[in-house]
Amino acid sequence: MISERQLSELFHSLWQQHFPLLNPSFIRRFNAEQQERVYTEDGARVLPVPMGTGIQRFDLVAEVAFETASEQYKQAQGSYTADSTAATQRAMRTIALLNREPTIAPPSLPEVAEAERLLQVYASFLAPFVSREMTFKPIIRGSGILAAMEADFCTQEILFEVKAVHRNLHTTDLRQVICYLVAGLGSRQFAWSEYCIFNPRLAVYYRGRVDELLSYTSGRTPHDSISGFLDTLMEREQPVENRF
């Protein structure tokens, strides 16, 4: 079994076979045409968060911001009290697991301060969605050689992926989103019609329709692109019901 990250970064011939138009030219246009800035509720532009000097663990900073944002979102929806300590502990466990370490040190004061700045971007981005039911860290069933995956968050209609990086999107970023979409829609586990890639570091996001992304990058219908990709992962014939 392989992860969506491994599938996105490797297996180039598979991606060329099923999504041949997901190439550098497409990514350049995507970054130029799809990028939208985050604004506050009163219309002010939210500024990017520069990477602080002297901070080494930007992955921990990003994870603390994400986990705390999920706590604050739940609080904004109703009778729930946000627990920033629990959020930080979850973030530490996640980064320790990714780094294959038993434990890691708590975030330093500069790391906490930078996470709080990212959290302000999250607050503005998530504000329009507070009335919607949001699932954080949804588990997406795997298929064939692709293991089960953990996405960032979603509503019934929209899959959200977070990329807290100081750069534009790369091909592998969209490949990862496609892994989630293909597995989640192909199994009928989810019914997403839109996707949104959010970058709290740059205070921007990219939002679009799932059917348009799949059909344009594959050159086929969304159903055919999903079923063909899953068939290759499973290495056997198993039609996928049409969701579109």
Protein backbone atom coordinates (compact mmCIF):
# COMPACT_ATOMS: atom_id res chain seq x y z
CA MET A 1 0.00 0.00 0.00
CA ILE A 2 1.18 3.53 -0.74
CA SER A 3 0.13 6.96 0.50
CA GLU A 4 -1.40 9.71 -1.60
CA ARG A 5 1.84 11.66 -1.17
CA GLN A 6 3.86 8.81 -2.66
CA LEU A 7 1.37 8.41 -5.48
CA SER A 8 1.49 12.16 -6.18
CA GLU A 9 5.26 12.46 -6.17
CA LEU A 10 6.07 9.24 -8.01
CA PHE A 11 4.28 7.06 -10.61
CA HIS A 12 4.69 9.71 -13.33
CA SER A 13 3.66 7.33 -16.11
CA LEU A 14 0.35 6.64 -14.34
CA TRP A 15 -0.41 10.36 -14.11
CA GLN A 16 0.62 10.89 -17.73
CA GLN A 17 -1.73 8.10 -18.77
CA HIS A 18 -4.79 9.28 -16.86
CA PHE A 19 -4.30 13.05 -16.42
CA PRO A 20 -2.00 14.05 -19.31
CA LEU A 21 -3.06 17.71 -19.25
CA LEU A 22 -2.06 18.17 -15.61
CA ASN A 23 1.30 19.55 -16.72
CA PRO A 24 3.51 22.58 -15.93
CA SER A 25 1.63 24.73 -18.44
CA PHE A 26 -1.69 23.96 -16.74
CA ILE A 27 -0.21 24.67 -13.29
CA ARG A 28 1.09 28.07 -14.43
CA ARG A 29 -2.34 29.04 -15.73
CA PHE A 30 -4.03 27.61 -12.67
CA ASN A 31 -1.89 29.70 -10.33
CA ALA A 32 -2.44 32.83 -12.40
CA GLU A 33 -6.17 32.46 -13.07
CA GLN A 34 -7.62 30.54 -10.11
CA GLN A 35 -5.90 32.28 -7.21
CA GLU A 36 -8.19 34.39 -4.99
CA ARG A 37 -7.20 36.53 -2.02
CA VAL A 38 -8.69 36.17 1.45
CA TYR A 39 -10.62 39.16 2.80
CA THR A 40 -12.07 39.98 6.19
CA GLU A 41 -15.84 40.24 6.65
CA ASP A 42 -15.60 44.04 6.32
CA GLY A 43 -13.75 43.79 3.01
CA ALA A 44 -10.15 44.36 4.09
CA ARG A 45 -7.49 42.25 2.41
CA VAL A 46 -5.86 39.73 4.74
CA LEU A 47 -2.09 40.01 4.53
CA PRO A 48 0.26 37.04 4.02
CA VAL A 49 2.22 35.65 6.97
CA PRO A 50 5.98 35.76 6.25
CA MET A 51 8.08 32.86 7.45
CA GLY A 52 9.65 34.08 10.68
CA THR A 53 13.39 34.14 11.10
CA GLY A 54 14.81 31.74 13.63
CA ILE A 55 11.90 29.31 13.33
CA GLN A 56 12.91 25.82 12.29
CA ARG A 57 9.68 23.86 12.68
CA PHE A 58 7.35 25.45 10.18
CA ASP A 59 5.50 22.14 9.93
CA LEU A 60 4.64 22.32 13.62
CA VAL A 61 3.58 25.97 13.30
CA ALA A 62 1.24 25.07 10.44
CA GLU A 63 -0.20 22.06 12.30
CA VAL A 64 -0.83 24.04 15.50
CA ALA A 65 -2.66 26.70 13.48
CA PHE A 66 -4.76 24.06 11.70
CA GLU A 67 -5.73 22.19 14.86
CA THR A 68 -6.55 25.41 16.72
CA ALA A 69 -8.62 26.65 13.77
CA SER A 70 -10.68 23.45 13.92
CA GLU A 71 -11.30 24.05 17.64
CA GLN A 72 -12.38 27.64 17.06
CA TYR A 73 -14.62 26.67 14.15
CA LYS A 74 -16.48 24.16 16.32
CA GLN A 75 -16.86 26.80 19.03
CA ALA A 76 -18.29 29.30 16.56
CA GLN A 77 -20.95 26.78 15.54
CA GLY A 78 -22.48 26.37 18.97
CA SER A 79 -22.10 24.84 22.43
CA TYR A 80 -18.46 23.85 22.26
CA THR A 81 -15.52 25.31 24.15
CA ALA A 82 -12.30 25.56 22.15
CA ASP A 83 -9.33 23.83 23.75
CA SER A 84 -6.07 25.29 22.44
CA THR A 85 -4.01 23.02 24.68
CA ALA A 86 -5.59 19.90 23.21
CA ALA A 87 -5.10 21.34 19.72
CA THR A 88 -1.38 21.89 20.37
CA GLN A 89 -0.99 18.38 21.74
CA ARG A 90 -2.66 16.88 18.68
CA ALA A 91 -0.37 18.92 16.46
CA MET A 92 2.70 17.72 18.34
CA ARG A 93 1.60 14.08 18.01
CA THR A 94 1.02 14.51 14.28
CA ILE A 95 4.44 16.05 13.62
CA ALA A 96 6.17 13.50 15.84
CA LEU A 97 4.52 10.72 13.84
CA LEU A 98 5.50 12.28 10.52
CA ASN A 99 9.08 12.70 11.72
CA ARG A 100 9.09 9.16 13.17
CA GLU A 101 9.97 10.45 16.61
CA PRO A 102 8.35 9.33 19.89
CA THR A 103 7.82 12.90 21.09
CA ILE A 104 8.79 16.45 20.18
CA ALA A 105 9.28 19.60 22.23
CA PRO A 106 6.32 21.97 22.63
CA PRO A 107 6.23 25.00 20.32
CA SER A 108 8.45 27.89 21.35
CA LEU A 109 7.09 31.39 21.93
CA PRO A 110 8.05 32.53 18.39
CA GLU A 111 6.39 29.41 16.96
CA VAL A 112 3.23 30.06 18.95
CA ALA A 113 3.18 33.69 17.81
CA GLU A 114 3.50 32.69 14.16
CA ALA A 115 0.78 30.06 14.53
CA GLU A 116 -1.50 32.76 15.93
CA ARG A 117 -0.87 34.92 12.87
CA LEU A 118 -1.80 32.02 10.62
CA LEU A 119 -4.86 31.47 12.78
CA GLN A 120 -6.08 34.97 11.99
CA VAL A 121 -6.00 34.08 8.29
CA TYR A 122 -7.96 30.90 9.02
CA ALA A 123 -10.58 32.93 10.90
CA SER A 124 -11.22 35.22 7.94
CA PHE A 125 -11.23 32.35 5.43
CA LEU A 126 -13.59 30.15 7.43
CA ALA A 127 -15.99 32.93 8.48
CA PRO A 128 -18.30 32.52 5.43
CA PHE A 129 -18.63 28.78 6.16
CA VAL A 130 -19.53 28.95 9.87
CA SER A 131 -23.17 28.17 9.14
CA ARG A 132 -22.20 24.93 7.40
CA GLU A 133 -21.40 21.59 8.98
CA MET A 134 -17.66 21.04 8.61
CA THR A 135 -15.82 17.76 9.07
CA PHE A 136 -12.16 18.07 10.01
CA LYS A 137 -9.70 15.35 9.04
CA PRO A 138 -12.20 13.17 7.17
CA ILE A 139 -10.94 9.68 6.43
CA ILE A 140 -11.21 8.69 2.76
CA ARG A 141 -11.25 5.01 1.96
CA GLY A 142 -8.35 3.80 -0.14
CA SER A 143 -8.54 1.79 -3.34
CA GLY A 144 -6.22 -0.90 -4.64
CA ILE A 145 -2.63 0.05 -3.90
CA LEU A 146 -3.71 3.44 -2.51
CA ALA A 147 -4.07 3.37 1.28
CA ALA A 148 -6.79 5.15 3.23
CA MET A 149 -6.21 8.90 3.38
CA GLU A 150 -6.86 11.76 5.78
CA ALA A 151 -7.95 14.99 4.11
CA ASP A 152 -7.94 18.37 5.86
CA PHE A 153 -11.63 19.31 6.07
CA CYS A 154 -14.81 19.28 4.05
CA THR A 155 -18.48 20.15 3.87
CA GLN A 156 -20.97 17.97 2.02
CA GLU A 157 -20.27 19.93 -1.16
CA ILE A 158 -16.65 21.08 -0.87
CA LEU A 159 -13.34 19.34 -0.24
CA PHE A 160 -10.76 21.67 1.35
CA GLU A 161 -7.03 21.06 1.20
CA VAL A 162 -4.58 23.22 3.16
CA LYS A 163 -1.11 24.06 1.82
CA ALA A 164 0.64 26.34 4.32
CA VAL A 165 3.66 27.05 2.13
CA HIS A 166 5.39 30.19 0.90
CA ARG A 167 5.02 29.35 -2.80
CA ASN A 168 2.49 28.81 -5.56
CA LEU A 169 0.94 25.41 -6.13
CA HIS A 170 2.95 22.60 -7.68
CA THR A 171 1.76 19.73 -9.84
CA THR A 172 2.03 17.34 -6.90
CA ASP A 173 -0.38 19.52 -4.88
CA LEU A 174 -3.14 19.08 -7.45
CA ARG A 175 -2.32 15.41 -7.86
CA GLN A 176 -2.92 14.95 -4.13
CA VAL A 177 -6.29 16.69 -4.35
CA ILE A 178 -7.22 14.47 -7.30
CA CYS A 179 -6.34 11.39 -5.23
CA TYR A 180 -8.87 12.51 -2.60
CA LEU A 181 -11.53 13.35 -5.17
CA VAL A 182 -11.17 10.16 -7.17
CA ALA A 183 -11.20 7.90 -4.09
CA GLY A 184 -13.95 9.80 -2.26
CA LEU A 185 -16.28 10.17 -5.25
CA GLY A 186 -15.51 6.85 -6.88
CA SER A 187 -16.45 4.95 -3.74
CA ARG A 188 -19.57 7.11 -3.29
CA GLN A 189 -18.32 7.90 0.22
CA PHE A 190 -18.55 11.64 -0.50
CA ALA A 191 -20.54 13.82 -2.89
CA TRP A 192 -18.22 16.79 -3.39
CA SER A 193 -18.98 19.04 -6.34
CA GLU A 194 -16.30 21.64 -5.55
CA TYR A 195 -12.73 21.71 -4.26
CA CYS A 196 -10.82 24.49 -2.53
CA ILE A 197 -7.08 24.66 -1.88
CA PHE A 198 -6.36 27.15 0.90
CA ASN A 199 -2.94 28.63 1.67
CA PRO A 200 -2.99 30.47 5.03
CA ARG A 201 0.66 31.42 4.63
CA LEU A 202 -0.04 33.48 1.48
CA ALA A 203 -3.67 34.28 2.47
CA VAL A 204 -4.99 32.96 -0.84
CA TYR A 205 -7.17 30.11 -2.04
CA TYR A 206 -8.06 28.29 -5.26
CA ARG A 207 -11.65 27.14 -5.69
CA GLY A 208 -13.30 25.38 -8.57
CA ARG A 209 -15.69 22.68 -9.77
CA VAL A 210 -14.64 19.06 -9.47
CA ASP A 211 -16.08 18.03 -12.82
CA GLU A 212 -14.20 20.80 -14.62
CA LEU A 213 -10.88 19.92 -12.97
CA LEU A 214 -11.18 16.21 -13.72
CA SER A 215 -12.45 16.57 -17.28
CA TYR A 216 -9.93 19.25 -18.27
CA THR A 217 -6.85 17.53 -16.86
CA SER A 218 -7.82 14.06 -18.09
CA GLY A 219 -9.39 14.92 -21.44
CA ARG A 220 -12.28 12.60 -20.56
CA THR A 221 -15.56 12.79 -18.71
CA PRO A 222 -15.31 12.96 -14.91
CA HIS A 223 -16.82 9.48 -14.63
CA ASP A 224 -14.34 7.98 -17.09
CA SER A 225 -11.39 9.71 -15.45
CA ILE A 226 -12.41 8.37 -12.03
CA SER A 227 -13.17 4.83 -13.13
CA GLY A 228 -10.03 4.58 -15.28
CA PHE A 229 -7.76 5.81 -12.51
CA LEU A 230 -9.32 3.49 -9.92
CA ASP A 231 -9.16 0.52 -12.27
CA THR A 232 -5.44 1.06 -12.65
CA LEU A 233 -4.97 1.31 -8.89
CA MET A 234 -6.97 -1.84 -8.32
CA GLU A 235 -5.40 -3.66 -11.27
CA ARG A 236 -8.72 -5.25 -12.13
CA GLU A 237 -11.98 -4.30 -13.80
CA GLN A 238 -14.53 -2.78 -11.44
CA PRO A 239 -16.78 -0.11 -12.94
CA VAL A 240 -17.50 2.96 -10.86
CA GLU A 241 -21.04 4.33 -10.81
CA ASN A 242 -21.49 7.68 -12.49
CA ARG A 243 -21.81 10.49 -9.95
CA PHE A 244 -21.95 13.32 -12.48
